[in-house]
Amino acid sequence: MTEDACPHCGGALRYLEKDTSSGREYREYRCMKCEKYVTLGGDTALWKILHDANEEVDANRREIETNILPSDTR
């Protein structure tokens, strides 16, 4: 299904809202012809990807600092 056609009747979809609060990206549309609501998406939200990458960098940084600092400065 394309994002511009209703899966129920083939009518044009109007964009309503995007929700990323779950860490997944969902977009809600409403069909202009049959007036049914359609939710598309499920891909990982950008903020979640960046958050996870930042956590990994922080963990690596802590590991490096722990391994290279002399024990009397910890």
PDB file of N, CA and C in Angstrom:
ATOM      1  N   MET A   1       0.827  -1.181   0.000  1.00  0.00           N
ATOM      2  CA  MET A   1       0.000   0.000   0.000  1.00  0.00           C
ATOM      3  C   MET A   1       0.872   1.246   0.000  1.00  0.00           C
ATOM      4  N   THR A   2       0.508   2.203  -0.806  1.00  0.00           N
ATOM      5  CA  THR A   2       1.215   3.475  -0.787  1.00  0.00           C
ATOM      6  C   THR A   2       0.587   4.373   0.261  1.00  0.00           C
ATOM      7  N   GLU A   3       1.329   5.365   0.705  1.00  0.00           N
ATOM      8  CA  GLU A   3       0.830   6.240   1.757  1.00  0.00           C
ATOM      9  C   GLU A   3      -0.182   7.263   1.257  1.00  0.00           C
ATOM     10  N   ASP A   4      -0.473   7.285  -0.031  1.00  0.00           N
ATOM     11  CA  ASP A   4      -1.427   8.264  -0.541  1.00  0.00           C
ATOM     12  C   ASP A   4      -2.758   7.645  -0.940  1.00  0.00           C
ATOM     13  N   ALA A   5      -2.932   6.323  -0.729  1.00  0.00           N
ATOM     14  CA  ALA A   5      -4.172   5.654  -1.095  1.00  0.00           C
ATOM     15  C   ALA A   5      -4.724   4.852   0.086  1.00  0.00           C
ATOM     16  N   CYS A   6      -6.013   4.967   0.313  1.00  0.00           N
ATOM     17  CA  CYS A   6      -6.685   4.234   1.384  1.00  0.00           C
ATOM     18  C   CYS A   6      -6.686   2.738   1.074  1.00  0.00           C
ATOM     19  N   PRO A   7      -6.333   1.893   2.038  1.00  0.00           N
ATOM     20  CA  PRO A   7      -6.347   0.445   1.800  1.00  0.00           C
ATOM     21  C   PRO A   7      -7.766  -0.117   1.713  1.00  0.00           C
ATOM     22  N   HIS A   8      -8.752   0.639   2.179  1.00  0.00           N
ATOM     23  CA  HIS A   8     -10.146   0.179   2.170  1.00  0.00           C
ATOM     24  C   HIS A   8     -10.857   0.483   0.857  1.00  0.00           C
ATOM     25  N   CYS A   9     -10.656   1.717   0.339  1.00  0.00           N
ATOM     26  CA  CYS A   9     -11.415   2.119  -0.850  1.00  0.00           C
ATOM     27  C   CYS A   9     -10.551   2.739  -1.952  1.00  0.00           C
ATOM     28  N   GLY A  10      -9.281   2.979  -1.668  1.00  0.00           N
ATOM     29  CA  GLY A  10      -8.400   3.580  -2.663  1.00  0.00           C
ATOM     30  C   GLY A  10      -8.464   5.092  -2.705  1.00  0.00           C
ATOM     31  N   GLY A  11      -9.252   5.699  -1.819  1.00  0.00           N
ATOM     32  CA  GLY A  11      -9.381   7.154  -1.777  1.00  0.00           C
ATOM     33  C   GLY A  11      -8.109   7.830  -1.272  1.00  0.00           C
ATOM     34  N   ALA A  12      -8.076   9.139  -1.417  1.00  0.00           N
ATOM     35  CA  ALA A  12      -6.923   9.928  -0.981  1.00  0.00           C
ATOM     36  C   ALA A  12      -6.881  10.005   0.542  1.00  0.00           C
ATOM     37  N   LEU A  13      -5.665   9.921   1.098  1.00  0.00           N
ATOM     38  CA  LEU A  13      -5.481  10.015   2.542  1.00  0.00           C
ATOM     39  C   LEU A  13      -5.023  11.414   2.922  1.00  0.00           C
ATOM     40  N   ARG A  14      -5.531  11.904   4.035  1.00  0.00           N
ATOM     41  CA  ARG A  14      -5.098  13.186   4.589  1.00  0.00           C
ATOM     42  C   ARG A  14      -4.302  12.913   5.861  1.00  0.00           C
ATOM     43  N   TYR A  15      -3.083  13.453   5.925  1.00  0.00           N
ATOM     44  CA  TYR A  15      -2.199  13.278   7.076  1.00  0.00           C
ATOM     45  C   TYR A  15      -2.778  13.983   8.290  1.00  0.00           C
ATOM     46  N   LEU A  16      -2.807  13.289   9.441  1.00  0.00           N
ATOM     47  CA  LEU A  16      -3.341  13.877  10.663  1.00  0.00           C
ATOM     48  C   LEU A  16      -2.275  14.088  11.727  1.00  0.00           C
ATOM     49  N   GLU A  17      -1.494  13.031  12.013  1.00  0.00           N
ATOM     50  CA  GLU A  17      -0.635  13.090  13.183  1.00  0.00           C
ATOM     51  C   GLU A  17       0.485  12.057  13.089  1.00  0.00           C
ATOM     52  N   LYS A  18       1.605  12.363  13.771  1.00  0.00           N
ATOM     53  CA  LYS A  18       2.706  11.408  13.899  1.00  0.00           C
ATOM     54  C   LYS A  18       2.966  11.207  15.382  1.00  0.00           C
ATOM     55  N   ASP A  19       3.127   9.951  15.797  1.00  0.00           N
ATOM     56  CA  ASP A  19       3.399   9.624  17.197  1.00  0.00           C
ATOM     57  C   ASP A  19       4.672   8.803  17.268  1.00  0.00           C
ATOM     58  N   THR A  20       5.616   9.253  18.098  1.00  0.00           N
ATOM     59  CA  THR A  20       6.870   8.512  18.280  1.00  0.00           C
ATOM     60  C   THR A  20       7.105   8.172  19.749  1.00  0.00           C
ATOM     61  N   SER A  21       6.094   8.371  20.595  1.00  0.00           N
ATOM     62  CA  SER A  21       6.277   8.206  22.040  1.00  0.00           C
ATOM     63  C   SER A  21       6.657   6.788  22.454  1.00  0.00           C
ATOM     64  N   SER A  22       6.334   5.812  21.660  1.00  0.00           N
ATOM     65  CA  SER A  22       6.645   4.423  21.998  1.00  0.00           C
ATOM     66  C   SER A  22       8.043   4.005  21.547  1.00  0.00           C
ATOM     67  N   GLY A  23       8.730   4.908  20.831  1.00  0.00           N
ATOM     68  CA  GLY A  23      10.019   4.548  20.248  1.00  0.00           C
ATOM     69  C   GLY A  23       9.865   4.042  18.825  1.00  0.00           C
ATOM     70  N   ARG A  24       8.640   3.904  18.398  1.00  0.00           N
ATOM     71  CA  ARG A  24       8.313   3.529  17.021  1.00  0.00           C
ATOM     72  C   ARG A  24       7.601   4.723  16.391  1.00  0.00           C
ATOM     73  N   GLU A  25       7.736   4.888  15.093  1.00  0.00           N
ATOM     74  CA  GLU A  25       7.092   6.007  14.410  1.00  0.00           C
ATOM     75  C   GLU A  25       5.812   5.537  13.729  1.00  0.00           C
ATOM     76  N   TYR A  26       4.705   6.091  14.156  1.00  0.00           N
ATOM     77  CA  TYR A  26       3.409   5.786  13.560  1.00  0.00           C
ATOM     78  C   TYR A  26       2.801   7.075  13.029  1.00  0.00           C
ATOM     79  N   ARG A  27       2.232   7.008  11.826  1.00  0.00           N
ATOM     80  CA  ARG A  27       1.567   8.151  11.210  1.00  0.00           C
ATOM     81  C   ARG A  27       0.096   7.803  11.009  1.00  0.00           C
ATOM     82  N   GLU A  28      -0.767   8.745  11.397  1.00  0.00           N
ATOM     83  CA  GLU A  28      -2.202   8.510  11.268  1.00  0.00           C
ATOM     84  C   GLU A  28      -2.764   9.375  10.141  1.00  0.00           C
ATOM     85  N   TYR A  29      -3.593   8.734   9.319  1.00  0.00           N
ATOM     86  CA  TYR A  29      -4.237   9.398   8.183  1.00  0.00           C
ATOM     87  C   TYR A  29      -5.736   9.151   8.270  1.00  0.00           C
ATOM     88  N   ARG A  30      -6.495   9.982   7.553  1.00  0.00           N
ATOM     89  CA  ARG A  30      -7.937   9.752   7.412  1.00  0.00           C
ATOM     90  C   ARG A  30      -8.276   9.803   5.932  1.00  0.00           C
ATOM     91  N   CYS A  31      -9.041   8.824   5.489  1.00  0.00           N
ATOM     92  CA  CYS A  31      -9.444   8.759   4.090  1.00  0.00           C
ATOM     93  C   CYS A  31     -10.475   9.850   3.804  1.00  0.00           C
ATOM     94  N   MET A  32     -10.252  10.568   2.721  1.00  0.00           N
ATOM     95  CA  MET A  32     -11.161  11.647   2.330  1.00  0.00           C
ATOM     96  C   MET A  32     -12.469  11.096   1.728  1.00  0.00           C
ATOM     97  N   LYS A  33     -12.434   9.848   1.273  1.00  0.00           N
ATOM     98  CA  LYS A  33     -13.610   9.255   0.615  1.00  0.00           C
ATOM     99  C   LYS A  33     -14.486   8.477   1.607  1.00  0.00           C
ATOM    100  N   CYS A  34     -13.910   7.477   2.270  1.00  0.00           N
ATOM    101  CA  CYS A  34     -14.707   6.629   3.173  1.00  0.00           C
ATOM    102  C   CYS A  34     -14.611   7.080   4.634  1.00  0.00           C
ATOM    103  N   GLU A  35     -13.745   8.047   4.930  1.00  0.00           N
ATOM    104  CA  GLU A  35     -13.570   8.643   6.254  1.00  0.00           C
ATOM    105  C   GLU A  35     -13.054   7.680   7.314  1.00  0.00           C
ATOM    106  N   LYS A  36     -12.444   6.575   6.911  1.00  0.00           N
ATOM    107  CA  LYS A  36     -11.839   5.658   7.863  1.00  0.00           C
ATOM    108  C   LYS A  36     -10.437   6.158   8.219  1.00  0.00           C
ATOM    109  N   TYR A  37      -9.997   5.809   9.429  1.00  0.00           N
ATOM    110  CA  TYR A  37      -8.660   6.167   9.880  1.00  0.00           C
ATOM    111  C   TYR A  37      -7.685   5.056   9.517  1.00  0.00           C
ATOM    112  N   VAL A  38      -6.482   5.441   9.111  1.00  0.00           N
ATOM    113  CA  VAL A  38      -5.445   4.494   8.709  1.00  0.00           C
ATOM    114  C   VAL A  38      -4.178   4.848   9.467  1.00  0.00           C
ATOM    115  N   THR A  39      -3.563   3.859  10.112  1.00  0.00           N
ATOM    116  CA  THR A  39      -2.305   4.067  10.812  1.00  0.00           C
ATOM    117  C   THR A  39      -1.207   3.313  10.078  1.00  0.00           C
ATOM    118  N   LEU A  40      -0.146   4.011   9.742  1.00  0.00           N
ATOM    119  CA  LEU A  40       0.983   3.425   9.030  1.00  0.00           C
ATOM    120  C   LEU A  40       2.256   3.644   9.825  1.00  0.00           C
ATOM    121  N   GLY A  41       3.245   2.821   9.567  1.00  0.00           N
ATOM    122  CA  GLY A  41       4.547   3.016  10.195  1.00  0.00           C
ATOM    123  C   GLY A  41       4.977   1.797  10.967  1.00  0.00           C
ATOM    124  N   GLY A  42       5.585   2.054  12.100  1.00  0.00           N
ATOM    125  CA  GLY A  42       6.125   0.989  12.918  1.00  0.00           C
ATOM    126  C   GLY A  42       7.634   0.952  12.861  1.00  0.00           C
ATOM    127  N   ASP A  43       8.222   1.857  12.068  1.00  0.00           N
ATOM    128  CA  ASP A  43       9.677   1.932  12.004  1.00  0.00           C
ATOM    129  C   ASP A  43      10.207   2.556  13.290  1.00  0.00           C
ATOM    130  N   THR A  44      11.469   2.324  13.590  1.00  0.00           N
ATOM    131  CA  THR A  44      12.085   2.902  14.775  1.00  0.00           C
ATOM    132  C   THR A  44      12.156   4.419  14.635  1.00  0.00           C
ATOM    133  N   ALA A  45      11.742   5.119  15.682  1.00  0.00           N
ATOM    134  CA  ALA A  45      11.755   6.584  15.678  1.00  0.00           C
ATOM    135  C   ALA A  45      13.194   7.090  15.712  1.00  0.00           C
ATOM    136  N   LEU A  46      13.438   8.211  15.049  1.00  0.00           N
ATOM    137  CA  LEU A  46      14.785   8.781  14.992  1.00  0.00           C
ATOM    138  C   LEU A  46      15.330   9.082  16.375  1.00  0.00           C
ATOM    139  N   TRP A  47      14.503   9.621  17.277  1.00  0.00           N
ATOM    140  CA  TRP A  47      15.004   9.951  18.613  1.00  0.00           C
ATOM    141  C   TRP A  47      15.481   8.695  19.327  1.00  0.00           C
ATOM    142  N   LYS A  48      14.829   7.566  19.089  1.00  0.00           N
ATOM    143  CA  LYS A  48      15.214   6.298  19.729  1.00  0.00           C
ATOM    144  C   LYS A  48      16.555   5.814  19.200  1.00  0.00           C
ATOM    145  N   ILE A  49      16.779   5.933  17.902  1.00  0.00           N
ATOM    146  CA  ILE A  49      18.052   5.540  17.294  1.00  0.00           C
ATOM    147  C   ILE A  49      19.181   6.382  17.872  1.00  0.00           C
ATOM    148  N   LEU A  50      18.972   7.706  17.934  1.00  0.00           N
ATOM    149  CA  LEU A  50      20.004   8.597  18.462  1.00  0.00           C
ATOM    150  C   LEU A  50      20.245   8.362  19.946  1.00  0.00           C
ATOM    151  N   HIS A  51      19.191   8.125  20.703  1.00  0.00           N
ATOM    152  CA  HIS A  51      19.324   7.852  22.134  1.00  0.00           C
ATOM    153  C   HIS A  51      20.148   6.592  22.379  1.00  0.00           C
ATOM    154  N   ASP A  52      19.827   5.522  21.657  1.00  0.00           N
ATOM    155  CA  ASP A  52      20.551   4.264  21.827  1.00  0.00           C
ATOM    156  C   ASP A  52      22.021   4.408  21.432  1.00  0.00           C
ATOM    157  N   ALA A  53      22.291   5.145  20.358  1.00  0.00           N
ATOM    158  CA  ALA A  53      23.674   5.357  19.931  1.00  0.00           C
ATOM    159  C   ALA A  53      24.439   6.157  20.978  1.00  0.00           C
ATOM    160  N   ASN A  54      23.800   7.151  21.563  1.00  0.00           N
ATOM    161  CA  ASN A  54      24.444   7.968  22.589  1.00  0.00           C
ATOM    162  C   ASN A  54      24.743   7.147  23.839  1.00  0.00           C
ATOM    163  N   GLU A  55      23.837   6.270  24.218  1.00  0.00           N
ATOM    164  CA  GLU A  55      24.082   5.394  25.376  1.00  0.00           C
ATOM    165  C   GLU A  55      25.285   4.491  25.132  1.00  0.00           C
ATOM    166  N   GLU A  56      25.420   3.981  23.921  1.00  0.00           N
ATOM    167  CA  GLU A  56      26.550   3.123  23.583  1.00  0.00           C
ATOM    168  C   GLU A  56      27.866   3.905  23.652  1.00  0.00           C
ATOM    169  N   VAL A  57      27.856   5.125  23.141  1.00  0.00           N
ATOM    170  CA  VAL A  57      29.057   5.967  23.195  1.00  0.00           C
ATOM    171  C   VAL A  57      29.440   6.246  24.650  1.00  0.00           C
ATOM    172  N   ASP A  58      28.453   6.582  25.473  1.00  0.00           N
ATOM    173  CA  ASP A  58      28.721   6.851  26.886  1.00  0.00           C
ATOM    174  C   ASP A  58      29.292   5.619  27.594  1.00  0.00           C
ATOM    175  N   ALA A  59      28.750   4.457  27.307  1.00  0.00           N
ATOM    176  CA  ALA A  59      29.248   3.224  27.921  1.00  0.00           C
ATOM    177  C   ALA A  59      30.687   2.951  27.494  1.00  0.00           C
ATOM    178  N   ASN A  60      30.984   3.160  26.223  1.00  0.00           N
ATOM    179  CA  ASN A  60      32.353   2.962  25.737  1.00  0.00           C
ATOM    180  C   ASN A  60      33.305   3.959  26.379  1.00  0.00           C
ATOM    181  N   ARG A  61      32.868   5.191  26.532  1.00  0.00           N
ATOM    182  CA  ARG A  61      33.700   6.224  27.154  1.00  0.00           C
ATOM    183  C   ARG A  61      34.009   5.859  28.606  1.00  0.00           C
ATOM    184  N   ARG A  62      33.004   5.401  29.345  1.00  0.00           N
ATOM    185  CA  ARG A  62      33.227   4.998  30.741  1.00  0.00           C
ATOM    186  C   ARG A  62      34.193   3.827  30.829  1.00  0.00           C
ATOM    187  N   GLU A  63      34.067   2.881  29.908  1.00  0.00           N
ATOM    188  CA  GLU A  63      34.961   1.726  29.907  1.00  0.00           C
ATOM    189  C   GLU A  63      36.396   2.153  29.624  1.00  0.00           C
ATOM    190  N   ILE A  64      36.589   3.033  28.678  1.00  0.00           N
ATOM    191  CA  ILE A  64      37.936   3.514  28.344  1.00  0.00           C
ATOM    192  C   ILE A  64      38.528   4.275  29.525  1.00  0.00           C
ATOM    193  N   GLU A  65      37.755   5.163  30.145  1.00  0.00           N
ATOM    194  CA  GLU A  65      38.250   5.927  31.282  1.00  0.00           C
ATOM    195  C   GLU A  65      38.617   5.021  32.443  1.00  0.00           C
ATOM    196  N   THR A  66      37.847   3.986  32.669  1.00  0.00           N
ATOM    197  CA  THR A  66      38.128   3.048  33.750  1.00  0.00           C
ATOM    198  C   THR A  66      39.428   2.297  33.496  1.00  0.00           C
ATOM    199  N   ASN A  67      39.696   1.962  32.258  1.00  0.00           N
ATOM    200  CA  ASN A  67      40.879   1.173  31.924  1.00  0.00           C
ATOM    201  C   ASN A  67      42.158   1.990  31.824  1.00  0.00           C
ATOM    202  N   ILE A  68      42.075   3.298  31.598  1.00  0.00           N
ATOM    203  CA  ILE A  68      43.305   4.060  31.403  1.00  0.00           C
ATOM    204  C   ILE A  68      43.665   4.959  32.580  1.00  0.00           C
ATOM    205  N   LEU A  69      42.749   5.225  33.496  1.00  0.00           N
ATOM    206  CA  LEU A  69      43.069   6.069  34.627  1.00  0.00           C
ATOM    207  C   LEU A  69      43.809   5.269  35.697  1.00  0.00           C
ATOM    208  N   PRO A  70      44.833   5.858  36.317  1.00  0.00           N
ATOM    209  CA  PRO A  70      45.506   5.167  37.421  1.00  0.00           C
ATOM    210  C   PRO A  70      44.516   4.930  38.578  1.00  0.00           C
ATOM    211  N   SER A  71      44.727   3.892  39.330  1.00  0.00           N
ATOM    212  CA  SER A  71      43.787   3.517  40.365  1.00  0.00           C
ATOM    213  C   SER A  71      43.658   4.576  41.467  1.00  0.00           C
ATOM    214  N   ASP A  72      44.673   5.399  41.701  1.00  0.00           N
ATOM    215  CA  ASP A  72      44.581   6.394  42.756  1.00  0.00           C
ATOM    216  C   ASP A  72      43.753   7.610  42.357  1.00  0.00           C
ATOM    217  N   THR A  73      43.384   7.757  41.099  1.00  0.00           N
ATOM    218  CA  THR A  73      42.559   8.889  40.659  1.00  0.00           C
ATOM    219  C   THR A  73      41.109   8.520  40.466  1.00  0.00           C
ATOM    220  N   ARG A  74      40.752   7.274  40.683  1.00  0.00           N
ATOM    221  CA  ARG A  74      39.361   6.840  40.515  1.00  0.00           C
ATOM    222  C   ARG A  74      38.542   7.151  41.721  1.00  0.00           C
TER     223      ARG A  74
END
